[in-house]
Structures are given as C-alpha cells and as structure tokens.
Amino acid sequence: MPIDAVALERTGDVIPPGRYTRADFVPRITFEIADGEWYAEQLYAGFFDVQQDVGSPDVIAVQFAKPSEIYSEVGSSVAVETAEDAAAAVRGNPGLTVIGESESHIDGRAGIVVEVQHATDWQINVGIMVVPPGPLSIAPDRRLWIALFDTDDGVLAVMVGGSVARWDEALASAEPILETVTIGR
C-alpha cells in the first residue's frame, strides 16, 4: 500500500514537518522531515536531496541518486548494474579514501555502505558518480556515506554528505530522515 506523501518542491523555504516524495524519481522514495531547518535544493529525475546549512562549507545533505556510472578512477567512469559493482568502483577510485565499509538496512533492504572522503591534496573535486543531470563529485574536506541498494529499477544510492570537521553532526542530523525512508512504495 502506498505511503501518503507530499511532493517535495524547491521553494527556498524551510521544509515543514511531514512525509515527502519525488514524483519523477524511480523507485519511489518517501521520507519524513520531523524537525530541523532542511531545504529542498537539488531536484532532478535521477537525483534529489535535502540540505541543512545550505551554502556553507559544513552543508549537510541527505541525497538519493540513480547512478548510471561510478567513477572508478579520477576522470574515468564505469557503468554499473549492481550495488556490488558500484561499491567496487567507489572503492577503486584513487581520488577517494575509504574510511569504512558496512551493511545498511533501509526499509528492510540490505545494502552496501562505503564511506569515503576526498583523498588528495588537489583543490579540485573528485568524481563519485554520474546521475541525471550529470556528474556528482566530492570537494576537499568533505565526507560521503554511500549506501548502495539493488532495486527492480537498478542501483539506488542513498547518501549523506558533510564536512570532515563536523562529520558526526552530519550523521546525527541525517539519521532521523534515514530511519523513515521507504523504497518502492
């Protein structure tokens, strides 16, 4: 049975408490905003997110993506068909340092988590994946928690992005949202 949710739209205003979805994102994702100053910032058919501290170096983002390719090397991407393929490509990217790996469970689905951060002294962004509308990358001094899931609609990435300096705060802020995510219903 579908879970009632309001369409997430970019308004520039704080998202009021409630359950949200993106009509043009497949598989259907729903999640709840209970509190905090979250904003809908990037809303595309293959990628969307909600953010706190928008525009600051410590911006926190909870992101949902349908990657078509994963960067396995700096500047080179590979097509992926499974969560394991995607995780292996992320692990192999020399522009990233793998901080940890684990299993994630969201909405009863088991996924593969790869936590990474920018690995180089370069002051350029390092590519993570290709999503509609284009490349998604990570900046210096940033960390990304990537949970990858196999779905009937292909690989799904559920991510949390935050600064290295305030990483524990980023995860703590994102956790209440992640605990409410449903996939495909």
Protein backbone atom coordinates (compact mmCIF):
# COMPACT_ATOMS: atom_id res chain seq x y z
CA MET A 1 0.00 0.00 0.00
CA PRO A 2 1.48 3.39 -0.95
CA ILE A 3 2.53 5.67 1.85
CA ASP A 4 0.90 9.11 1.60
CA ALA A 5 3.48 11.79 0.99
CA VAL A 6 3.61 15.37 -0.26
CA ALA A 7 5.59 16.18 -3.41
CA LEU A 8 8.96 17.68 -2.48
CA GLU A 9 9.38 21.03 -4.24
CA ARG A 10 12.12 23.66 -4.16
CA THR A 11 10.69 26.80 -2.61
CA GLY A 12 13.63 28.41 -0.83
CA ASP A 13 11.74 27.98 2.44
CA VAL A 14 12.40 25.56 5.31
CA ILE A 15 10.62 22.27 4.64
CA PRO A 16 7.76 21.93 7.13
CA PRO A 17 7.46 18.68 9.10
CA GLY A 18 5.81 15.94 7.07
CA ARG A 19 6.30 12.98 4.73
CA TYR A 20 7.76 13.72 1.27
CA THR A 21 8.41 12.08 -2.11
CA ARG A 22 9.60 12.99 -5.62
CA ALA A 23 7.05 12.03 -8.29
CA ASP A 24 9.67 11.72 -11.06
CA PHE A 25 12.17 9.59 -9.11
CA VAL A 26 12.04 5.80 -9.62
CA PRO A 27 11.90 3.76 -7.47
CA ARG A 28 9.53 5.81 -5.37
CA ILE A 29 11.28 7.15 -2.28
CA THR A 30 9.43 8.58 0.70
CA PHE A 31 10.95 10.05 3.84
CA GLU A 32 9.95 12.18 6.78
CA ILE A 33 11.19 15.55 7.97
CA ALA A 34 10.36 15.85 11.65
CA ASP A 35 12.42 18.85 12.69
CA GLY A 36 15.45 20.92 11.80
CA GLU A 37 15.97 23.50 9.09
CA TRP A 38 16.02 21.37 5.95
CA TYR A 39 15.73 22.80 2.44
CA ALA A 40 14.96 21.11 -0.89
CA GLU A 41 17.90 22.13 -3.07
CA GLN A 42 18.56 19.78 -5.99
CA LEU A 43 15.52 18.11 -7.54
CA TYR A 44 16.04 16.09 -10.71
CA ALA A 45 14.55 12.89 -12.13
CA GLY A 46 17.64 10.87 -11.17
CA PHE A 47 18.89 12.81 -8.15
CA PHE A 48 17.43 14.85 -5.31
CA ASP A 49 18.45 15.99 -1.87
CA VAL A 50 17.53 17.92 1.23
CA GLN A 51 20.15 20.11 2.93
CA GLN A 52 20.94 21.97 6.13
CA ASP A 53 23.40 24.88 6.38
CA VAL A 54 22.96 25.47 2.64
CA GLY A 55 25.88 27.28 1.03
CA SER A 56 28.26 26.81 3.95
CA PRO A 57 31.40 24.63 3.96
CA ASP A 58 29.59 22.47 6.54
CA VAL A 59 26.44 21.87 4.48
CA ILE A 60 24.74 18.58 5.39
CA ALA A 61 22.94 16.74 2.59
CA VAL A 62 20.73 13.65 2.52
CA GLN A 63 20.78 12.55 -1.11
CA PHE A 64 19.01 9.98 -3.29
CA ALA A 65 20.53 9.02 -6.64
CA LYS A 66 20.15 6.62 -9.55
CA PRO A 67 23.77 6.31 -10.75
CA SER A 68 24.31 5.22 -14.33
CA GLU A 69 28.08 5.19 -13.87
CA ILE A 70 30.56 5.27 -10.98
CA TYR A 71 33.99 6.88 -11.15
CA SER A 72 36.50 4.08 -10.63
CA GLU A 73 39.44 6.32 -11.45
CA VAL A 74 39.85 10.07 -11.45
CA GLY A 75 38.17 11.19 -14.66
CA SER A 76 37.05 7.70 -15.76
CA SER A 77 33.68 6.12 -15.01
CA VAL A 78 32.21 2.64 -15.49
CA ALA A 79 28.62 1.53 -15.99
CA VAL A 80 27.16 -0.35 -13.04
CA GLU A 81 24.35 -2.87 -12.88
CA THR A 82 24.52 -3.99 -9.24
CA ALA A 83 25.18 -2.44 -5.85
CA GLU A 84 28.30 -4.60 -5.54
CA ASP A 85 29.61 -3.31 -8.91
CA ALA A 86 29.01 0.25 -7.71
CA ALA A 87 30.69 -0.34 -4.34
CA ALA A 88 33.73 -1.94 -6.03
CA ALA A 89 34.10 1.05 -8.35
CA VAL A 90 33.88 3.53 -5.45
CA ARG A 91 36.47 1.51 -3.51
CA GLY A 92 38.80 1.57 -6.52
CA ASN A 93 38.73 5.33 -7.06
CA PRO A 94 42.23 6.61 -6.17
CA GLY A 95 40.85 10.12 -5.56
CA LEU A 96 38.91 8.79 -2.56
CA THR A 97 39.98 7.43 0.81
CA VAL A 98 37.71 4.65 2.05
CA ILE A 99 37.00 5.41 5.72
CA GLY A 100 34.84 2.37 6.36
CA GLU A 101 32.54 -0.26 4.91
CA SER A 102 29.48 -1.88 6.40
CA GLU A 103 26.00 -3.14 5.68
CA SER A 104 22.96 -0.86 5.79
CA HIS A 105 19.30 -1.71 6.19
CA ILE A 106 16.77 0.76 4.89
CA ASP A 107 13.12 -0.22 4.63
CA GLY A 108 14.03 -3.89 5.13
CA ARG A 109 16.55 -3.92 2.26
CA ALA A 110 20.17 -4.84 2.78
CA GLY A 111 22.67 -2.51 1.16
CA ILE A 112 26.40 -1.99 0.94
CA VAL A 113 27.85 1.11 2.62
CA VAL A 114 31.11 2.67 1.52
CA GLU A 115 32.13 5.77 3.49
CA VAL A 116 34.66 7.94 1.66
CA GLN A 117 36.34 11.29 1.73
CA HIS A 118 38.39 13.35 -0.70
CA ALA A 119 41.84 11.72 -0.70
CA THR A 120 44.10 14.18 -2.41
CA ASP A 121 45.86 17.47 -1.79
CA TRP A 122 44.32 18.75 -5.00
CA GLN A 123 41.93 21.61 -4.64
CA ILE A 124 39.63 20.08 -7.22
CA ASN A 125 36.54 17.98 -6.81
CA VAL A 126 36.81 14.21 -7.30
CA GLY A 127 34.05 12.46 -9.28
CA ILE A 128 31.87 9.96 -7.42
CA MET A 129 29.11 9.01 -9.88
CA VAL A 130 27.15 10.09 -12.92
CA VAL A 131 23.46 10.77 -12.30
CA PRO A 132 20.84 12.62 -14.27
CA PRO A 133 21.58 15.53 -14.78
CA GLY A 134 25.38 14.94 -14.70
CA PRO A 135 28.48 14.17 -12.63
CA LEU A 136 28.32 14.18 -8.83
CA SER A 137 31.62 14.90 -7.09
CA ILE A 138 33.15 15.46 -3.68
CA ALA A 139 35.11 18.54 -2.67
CA PRO A 140 38.22 18.66 -0.47
CA ASP A 141 37.45 18.46 3.27
CA ARG A 142 34.16 16.61 2.59
CA ARG A 143 33.00 13.10 3.50
CA LEU A 144 30.26 10.96 1.95
CA TRP A 145 28.36 7.97 3.38
CA ILE A 146 27.07 5.98 0.39
CA ALA A 147 24.55 3.16 0.87
CA LEU A 148 24.01 1.21 -2.37
CA PHE A 149 20.95 -0.96 -2.95
CA ASP A 150 19.80 -3.28 -5.73
CA THR A 151 16.23 -2.48 -6.77
CA ASP A 152 13.96 -3.63 -9.61
CA ASP A 153 14.75 -0.23 -11.16
CA GLY A 154 18.54 -0.55 -10.93
CA VAL A 155 21.09 0.63 -8.39
CA LEU A 156 19.89 3.14 -5.80
CA ALA A 157 22.34 5.28 -3.81
CA VAL A 158 21.21 6.82 -0.52
CA MET A 159 23.89 9.21 0.71
CA VAL A 160 24.81 11.58 3.49
CA GLY A 161 27.33 14.30 2.73
CA GLY A 162 29.03 16.56 5.23
CA SER A 163 32.28 18.26 6.14
CA VAL A 164 35.09 16.20 7.65
CA ALA A 165 35.29 18.75 10.51
CA ARG A 166 31.63 18.24 11.50
CA TRP A 167 31.06 14.68 10.28
CA ASP A 168 29.48 13.33 13.48
CA GLU A 169 26.98 16.20 13.41
CA ALA A 170 26.13 15.45 9.76
CA LEU A 171 25.37 11.80 10.51
CA ALA A 172 23.36 12.67 13.62
CA SER A 173 21.28 15.21 11.67
CA ALA A 174 20.64 12.78 8.80
CA GLU A 175 19.77 9.72 10.90
CA PRO A 176 16.16 10.70 11.70
CA ILE A 177 15.46 11.08 7.98
CA LEU A 178 17.21 7.84 7.02
CA GLU A 179 15.18 5.92 9.61
CA THR A 180 11.94 6.93 7.82
CA VAL A 181 12.93 6.14 4.21
CA THR A 182 10.77 3.75 2.21
CA ILE A 183 11.79 2.41 -1.18
CA GLY A 184 9.35 1.49 -3.93
CA ARG A 185 6.07 2.02 -2.12
